[in-house]
Amino acid sequence: MPLCVARPGAWPTFLHHGPGAYGLADPCGDVKVGLQDAGGEPDPDRPRTLDPDALARLQDHVATWLPGLDATRPRPVGATWATPSSGEFVLERRGPLLVAAGLGSRGFAHAPQVG
């Protein structure tokens, strides 16, 4: 696999609160776009499968809101993360200490918005 280097200004990181969509560029030039909670609760005793309705919602979102991206050629990739029941990140400052919880890989995806 070739080494990929991020290109400044290639694509902005974004979070669209209404439909719960987010996206960011990867260093190889692709753009990852996802929907919050699109896969339901995972079951460790069953293999993960793609939800065709979630994929259709995602493709509709890309076609409507993200000009320049091709919604007809998705490469679905699943991700699992822990989320508090409120759906919010837990961020609290106590003096010089910052506590961040409930982030998992979701926090990594949203790091630019969290700060």
N, C-alpha and C. Protein backbone atom coordinates (compact mmCIF):
# COMPACT_ATOMS: atom_id res chain seq x y z
N MET A 1 0.85 -1.17 0.00
CA MET A 1 0.00 0.00 0.00
C MET A 1 0.90 1.24 0.00
N PRO A 2 0.60 2.22 -0.86
CA PRO A 2 1.44 3.41 -0.91
C PRO A 2 1.25 4.28 0.33
N LEU A 3 2.30 4.99 0.67
CA LEU A 3 2.23 5.93 1.79
C LEU A 3 1.37 7.12 1.37
N CYS A 4 0.44 7.50 2.19
CA CYS A 4 -0.44 8.63 1.88
C CYS A 4 -0.15 9.76 2.84
N VAL A 5 -0.16 10.96 2.33
CA VAL A 5 0.11 12.15 3.14
C VAL A 5 -1.06 13.10 3.00
N ALA A 6 -1.55 13.58 4.12
CA ALA A 6 -2.68 14.51 4.10
C ALA A 6 -2.32 15.76 3.32
N ARG A 7 -3.28 16.24 2.54
CA ARG A 7 -3.10 17.46 1.77
C ARG A 7 -3.95 18.56 2.40
N PRO A 8 -3.33 19.65 2.83
CA PRO A 8 -4.11 20.74 3.43
C PRO A 8 -5.20 21.22 2.48
N GLY A 9 -6.38 21.43 3.01
CA GLY A 9 -7.48 21.95 2.22
C GLY A 9 -8.13 20.95 1.27
N ALA A 10 -7.77 19.67 1.37
CA ALA A 10 -8.32 18.68 0.45
C ALA A 10 -9.83 18.53 0.63
N TRP A 11 -10.31 18.48 1.85
CA TRP A 11 -11.74 18.37 2.13
C TRP A 11 -11.94 18.74 3.59
N PRO A 12 -12.95 19.53 3.92
CA PRO A 12 -13.13 19.91 5.32
C PRO A 12 -13.73 18.78 6.15
N THR A 13 -13.40 18.77 7.42
CA THR A 13 -14.07 17.88 8.36
C THR A 13 -15.39 18.56 8.73
N PHE A 14 -16.47 17.76 8.81
CA PHE A 14 -17.76 18.38 9.09
C PHE A 14 -18.61 17.47 9.96
N LEU A 15 -19.58 18.09 10.62
CA LEU A 15 -20.59 17.40 11.42
C LEU A 15 -21.92 18.08 11.12
N HIS A 16 -22.87 17.33 10.57
CA HIS A 16 -24.18 17.86 10.20
C HIS A 16 -25.18 17.34 11.25
N HIS A 17 -25.54 18.20 12.19
CA HIS A 17 -26.31 17.77 13.35
C HIS A 17 -27.69 17.22 13.02
N GLY A 18 -28.42 17.82 12.10
CA GLY A 18 -29.79 17.38 11.80
C GLY A 18 -29.88 15.89 11.54
N PRO A 19 -29.26 15.41 10.47
CA PRO A 19 -29.33 13.98 10.17
C PRO A 19 -28.27 13.15 10.90
N GLY A 20 -27.39 13.81 11.66
CA GLY A 20 -26.35 13.07 12.37
C GLY A 20 -25.29 12.53 11.44
N ALA A 21 -24.96 13.28 10.42
CA ALA A 21 -23.91 12.85 9.48
C ALA A 21 -22.60 13.55 9.82
N TYR A 22 -21.51 12.88 9.50
CA TYR A 22 -20.20 13.47 9.71
C TYR A 22 -19.30 13.02 8.57
N GLY A 23 -18.19 13.72 8.41
CA GLY A 23 -17.26 13.32 7.37
C GLY A 23 -15.90 13.96 7.55
N LEU A 24 -14.92 13.35 6.95
CA LEU A 24 -13.56 13.86 6.98
C LEU A 24 -12.77 13.20 5.86
N ALA A 25 -11.75 13.90 5.41
CA ALA A 25 -10.89 13.35 4.37
C ALA A 25 -9.90 12.38 4.98
N ASP A 26 -9.55 11.35 4.22
CA ASP A 26 -8.45 10.49 4.67
C ASP A 26 -7.21 10.91 3.89
N PRO A 27 -6.03 10.56 4.37
CA PRO A 27 -4.80 11.03 3.73
C PRO A 27 -4.62 10.57 2.29
N CYS A 28 -5.33 9.53 1.86
CA CYS A 28 -5.17 9.03 0.48
C CYS A 28 -6.12 9.70 -0.50
N GLY A 29 -6.91 10.66 -0.04
CA GLY A 29 -7.77 11.40 -0.95
C GLY A 29 -9.23 11.01 -0.93
N ASP A 30 -9.59 9.93 -0.26
CA ASP A 30 -11.00 9.57 -0.15
C ASP A 30 -11.65 10.45 0.92
N VAL A 31 -12.97 10.45 0.96
CA VAL A 31 -13.70 11.16 2.00
C VAL A 31 -14.59 10.16 2.71
N LYS A 32 -14.43 10.07 4.03
CA LYS A 32 -15.27 9.19 4.83
C LYS A 32 -16.50 9.99 5.25
N VAL A 33 -17.67 9.45 4.96
CA VAL A 33 -18.93 10.06 5.37
C VAL A 33 -19.72 8.99 6.10
N GLY A 34 -20.25 9.32 7.26
CA GLY A 34 -20.99 8.35 8.04
C GLY A 34 -22.23 8.96 8.67
N LEU A 35 -23.09 8.08 9.14
CA LEU A 35 -24.29 8.48 9.88
C LEU A 35 -24.18 7.94 11.30
N GLN A 36 -24.52 8.77 12.26
CA GLN A 36 -24.54 8.33 13.64
C GLN A 36 -25.58 7.22 13.82
N ASP A 37 -25.23 6.20 14.56
CA ASP A 37 -26.16 5.14 14.96
C ASP A 37 -26.87 4.48 13.78
N ALA A 38 -26.21 4.37 12.65
CA ALA A 38 -26.84 3.79 11.47
C ALA A 38 -26.86 2.27 11.52
N GLY A 39 -26.01 1.67 12.34
CA GLY A 39 -25.90 0.22 12.31
C GLY A 39 -26.66 -0.51 13.40
N GLY A 40 -27.29 0.20 14.30
CA GLY A 40 -27.97 -0.47 15.40
C GLY A 40 -26.98 -0.99 16.42
N GLU A 41 -27.48 -1.68 17.39
CA GLU A 41 -26.62 -2.23 18.45
C GLU A 41 -25.97 -3.52 17.98
N PRO A 42 -24.64 -3.62 18.08
CA PRO A 42 -23.97 -4.84 17.61
C PRO A 42 -24.22 -6.02 18.53
N ASP A 43 -24.21 -7.20 17.97
CA ASP A 43 -24.36 -8.44 18.71
C ASP A 43 -23.10 -9.25 18.46
N PRO A 44 -22.31 -9.51 19.50
CA PRO A 44 -21.05 -10.23 19.30
C PRO A 44 -21.24 -11.67 18.81
N ASP A 45 -22.46 -12.20 18.91
CA ASP A 45 -22.72 -13.57 18.46
C ASP A 45 -23.20 -13.66 17.02
N ARG A 46 -23.34 -12.51 16.36
CA ARG A 46 -23.77 -12.51 14.96
C ARG A 46 -22.79 -11.70 14.12
N PRO A 47 -22.58 -12.12 12.88
CA PRO A 47 -21.71 -11.32 12.02
C PRO A 47 -22.39 -9.99 11.67
N ARG A 48 -21.57 -8.97 11.48
CA ARG A 48 -22.10 -7.67 11.10
C ARG A 48 -22.53 -7.68 9.65
N THR A 49 -23.66 -7.09 9.38
CA THR A 49 -24.14 -6.99 8.01
C THR A 49 -24.47 -5.53 7.70
N LEU A 50 -24.42 -5.20 6.45
CA LEU A 50 -24.74 -3.85 6.01
C LEU A 50 -26.25 -3.65 5.99
N ASP A 51 -26.71 -2.58 6.59
CA ASP A 51 -28.13 -2.23 6.58
C ASP A 51 -28.42 -1.46 5.29
N PRO A 52 -29.16 -2.05 4.35
CA PRO A 52 -29.40 -1.38 3.07
C PRO A 52 -30.14 -0.05 3.23
N ASP A 53 -31.02 0.06 4.23
CA ASP A 53 -31.73 1.33 4.44
C ASP A 53 -30.77 2.42 4.91
N ALA A 54 -29.83 2.07 5.78
CA ALA A 54 -28.84 3.04 6.25
C ALA A 54 -27.95 3.49 5.09
N LEU A 55 -27.55 2.54 4.24
CA LEU A 55 -26.73 2.91 3.09
C LEU A 55 -27.50 3.84 2.15
N ALA A 56 -28.77 3.56 1.93
CA ALA A 56 -29.58 4.43 1.07
C ALA A 56 -29.70 5.83 1.67
N ARG A 57 -29.90 5.92 3.01
CA ARG A 57 -29.96 7.24 3.67
C ARG A 57 -28.65 7.99 3.51
N LEU A 58 -27.56 7.27 3.65
CA LEU A 58 -26.24 7.90 3.52
C LEU A 58 -26.03 8.39 2.09
N GLN A 59 -26.38 7.57 1.11
CA GLN A 59 -26.22 7.98 -0.29
C GLN A 59 -27.10 9.20 -0.60
N ASP A 60 -28.33 9.24 -0.07
CA ASP A 60 -29.20 10.40 -0.26
C ASP A 60 -28.57 11.64 0.36
N HIS A 61 -28.00 11.48 1.55
CA HIS A 61 -27.37 12.61 2.22
C HIS A 61 -26.20 13.15 1.39
N VAL A 62 -25.35 12.25 0.91
CA VAL A 62 -24.20 12.67 0.10
C VAL A 62 -24.67 13.37 -1.17
N ALA A 63 -25.67 12.81 -1.85
CA ALA A 63 -26.16 13.42 -3.09
C ALA A 63 -26.76 14.80 -2.85
N THR A 64 -27.41 14.99 -1.70
CA THR A 64 -28.09 16.25 -1.40
C THR A 64 -27.14 17.32 -0.87
N TRP A 65 -26.24 16.94 0.03
CA TRP A 65 -25.46 17.91 0.78
C TRP A 65 -23.99 18.03 0.39
N LEU A 66 -23.46 17.08 -0.34
CA LEU A 66 -22.01 17.08 -0.57
C LEU A 66 -21.67 17.08 -2.06
N PRO A 67 -21.85 18.23 -2.71
CA PRO A 67 -21.50 18.30 -4.12
C PRO A 67 -20.01 18.01 -4.30
N GLY A 68 -19.71 17.30 -5.33
CA GLY A 68 -18.32 16.92 -5.57
C GLY A 68 -18.01 15.50 -5.16
N LEU A 69 -18.88 14.87 -4.37
CA LEU A 69 -18.71 13.46 -4.02
C LEU A 69 -19.69 12.62 -4.82
N ASP A 70 -19.27 11.43 -5.20
CA ASP A 70 -20.11 10.53 -5.98
C ASP A 70 -20.87 9.59 -5.05
N ALA A 71 -22.16 9.83 -4.90
CA ALA A 71 -22.98 9.02 -3.99
C ALA A 71 -23.30 7.66 -4.57
N THR A 72 -23.02 7.44 -5.85
CA THR A 72 -23.39 6.17 -6.48
C THR A 72 -22.32 5.10 -6.33
N ARG A 73 -21.17 5.45 -5.77
CA ARG A 73 -20.07 4.47 -5.65
C ARG A 73 -19.54 4.38 -4.22
N PRO A 74 -20.38 4.00 -3.27
CA PRO A 74 -19.90 3.92 -1.88
C PRO A 74 -18.99 2.71 -1.67
N ARG A 75 -18.14 2.80 -0.67
CA ARG A 75 -17.35 1.66 -0.20
C ARG A 75 -17.69 1.50 1.28
N PRO A 76 -18.74 0.76 1.59
CA PRO A 76 -19.18 0.66 2.99
C PRO A 76 -18.14 0.02 3.89
N VAL A 77 -17.96 0.64 5.05
CA VAL A 77 -17.06 0.14 6.08
C VAL A 77 -17.77 0.35 7.41
N GLY A 78 -17.86 -0.68 8.21
CA GLY A 78 -18.52 -0.57 9.51
C GLY A 78 -17.56 -0.09 10.58
N ALA A 79 -18.12 0.53 11.60
CA ALA A 79 -17.33 0.95 12.76
C ALA A 79 -18.18 0.75 14.01
N THR A 80 -17.55 0.36 15.08
CA THR A 80 -18.25 0.18 16.35
C THR A 80 -17.63 1.13 17.37
N TRP A 81 -18.47 1.79 18.14
CA TRP A 81 -17.96 2.66 19.19
C TRP A 81 -18.91 2.70 20.36
N ALA A 82 -18.37 3.10 21.49
CA ALA A 82 -19.18 3.25 22.70
C ALA A 82 -19.76 4.66 22.72
N THR A 83 -21.02 4.76 23.09
CA THR A 83 -21.69 6.06 23.15
C THR A 83 -22.51 6.11 24.44
N PRO A 84 -22.39 7.18 25.22
CA PRO A 84 -23.27 7.32 26.38
C PRO A 84 -24.73 7.36 25.93
N SER A 85 -25.66 7.00 26.81
CA SER A 85 -27.07 6.95 26.44
C SER A 85 -27.60 8.29 25.95
N SER A 86 -26.97 9.39 26.38
CA SER A 86 -27.39 10.71 25.92
C SER A 86 -26.95 10.97 24.48
N GLY A 87 -25.97 10.19 23.99
CA GLY A 87 -25.44 10.40 22.65
C GLY A 87 -24.38 11.49 22.60
N GLU A 88 -24.13 12.14 23.72
CA GLU A 88 -23.18 13.25 23.76
C GLU A 88 -21.81 12.77 24.21
N PHE A 89 -20.78 13.51 23.84
CA PHE A 89 -19.46 13.27 24.40
C PHE A 89 -19.46 13.76 25.84
N VAL A 90 -18.68 13.15 26.68
CA VAL A 90 -18.52 13.62 28.05
C VAL A 90 -17.21 14.39 28.10
N LEU A 91 -17.30 15.70 28.24
CA LEU A 91 -16.14 16.57 28.32
C LEU A 91 -16.33 17.50 29.50
N GLU A 92 -15.42 17.44 30.45
CA GLU A 92 -15.54 18.26 31.65
C GLU A 92 -14.15 18.70 32.10
N ARG A 93 -14.02 19.96 32.42
CA ARG A 93 -12.75 20.48 32.93
C ARG A 93 -12.89 20.74 34.42
N ARG A 94 -11.90 20.25 35.17
CA ARG A 94 -11.79 20.50 36.60
C ARG A 94 -10.38 21.03 36.84
N GLY A 95 -10.27 22.36 36.94
CA GLY A 95 -8.95 22.96 37.07
C GLY A 95 -8.11 22.63 35.84
N PRO A 96 -6.89 22.12 36.05
CA PRO A 96 -6.04 21.80 34.90
C PRO A 96 -6.35 20.45 34.25
N LEU A 97 -7.32 19.72 34.81
CA LEU A 97 -7.63 18.38 34.32
C LEU A 97 -8.83 18.41 33.38
N LEU A 98 -8.70 17.80 32.21
CA LEU A 98 -9.81 17.66 31.27
C LEU A 98 -10.17 16.19 31.21
N VAL A 99 -11.44 15.88 31.47
CA VAL A 99 -11.93 14.52 31.39
C VAL A 99 -12.72 14.37 30.10
N ALA A 100 -12.37 13.35 29.31
CA ALA A 100 -13.08 13.06 28.06
C ALA A 100 -13.43 11.58 28.09
N ALA A 101 -14.72 11.27 27.94
CA ALA A 101 -15.16 9.87 28.00
C ALA A 101 -16.24 9.62 26.96
N GLY A 102 -16.46 8.36 26.66
CA GLY A 102 -17.48 7.99 25.70
C GLY A 102 -17.06 8.29 24.28
N LEU A 103 -15.75 8.39 24.06
CA LEU A 103 -15.27 8.80 22.75
C LEU A 103 -14.94 7.60 21.85
N GLY A 104 -14.12 6.68 22.31
CA GLY A 104 -13.72 5.54 21.48
C GLY A 104 -13.29 5.98 20.10
N SER A 105 -13.54 5.17 19.08
CA SER A 105 -13.17 5.56 17.72
C SER A 105 -14.05 6.70 17.24
N ARG A 106 -15.24 6.86 17.82
CA ARG A 106 -16.12 7.97 17.46
C ARG A 106 -15.45 9.29 17.81
N GLY A 107 -14.77 9.33 18.94
CA GLY A 107 -14.05 10.54 19.33
C GLY A 107 -12.94 10.87 18.35
N PHE A 108 -12.27 9.83 17.85
CA PHE A 108 -11.23 10.06 16.87
C PHE A 108 -11.82 10.68 15.61
N ALA A 109 -12.95 10.15 15.16
CA ALA A 109 -13.60 10.68 13.95
C ALA A 109 -14.05 12.12 14.15
N HIS A 110 -14.43 12.49 15.37
CA HIS A 110 -14.95 13.82 15.63
C HIS A 110 -13.94 14.73 16.34
N ALA A 111 -12.70 14.32 16.43
CA ALA A 111 -11.69 15.10 17.15
C ALA A 111 -11.62 16.55 16.70
N PRO A 112 -11.70 16.86 15.41
CA PRO A 112 -11.64 18.27 15.01
C PRO A 112 -12.78 19.10 15.60
N GLN A 113 -13.96 18.51 15.79
CA GLN A 113 -15.06 19.27 16.37
C GLN A 113 -14.93 19.36 17.90
N VAL A 114 -14.41 18.30 18.51
CA VAL A 114 -14.28 18.27 19.97
C VAL A 114 -13.18 19.21 20.42
N GLY A 115 -12.09 19.25 19.66
CA GLY A 115 -10.97 20.13 19.97
C GLY A 115 -9.89 19.44 20.74
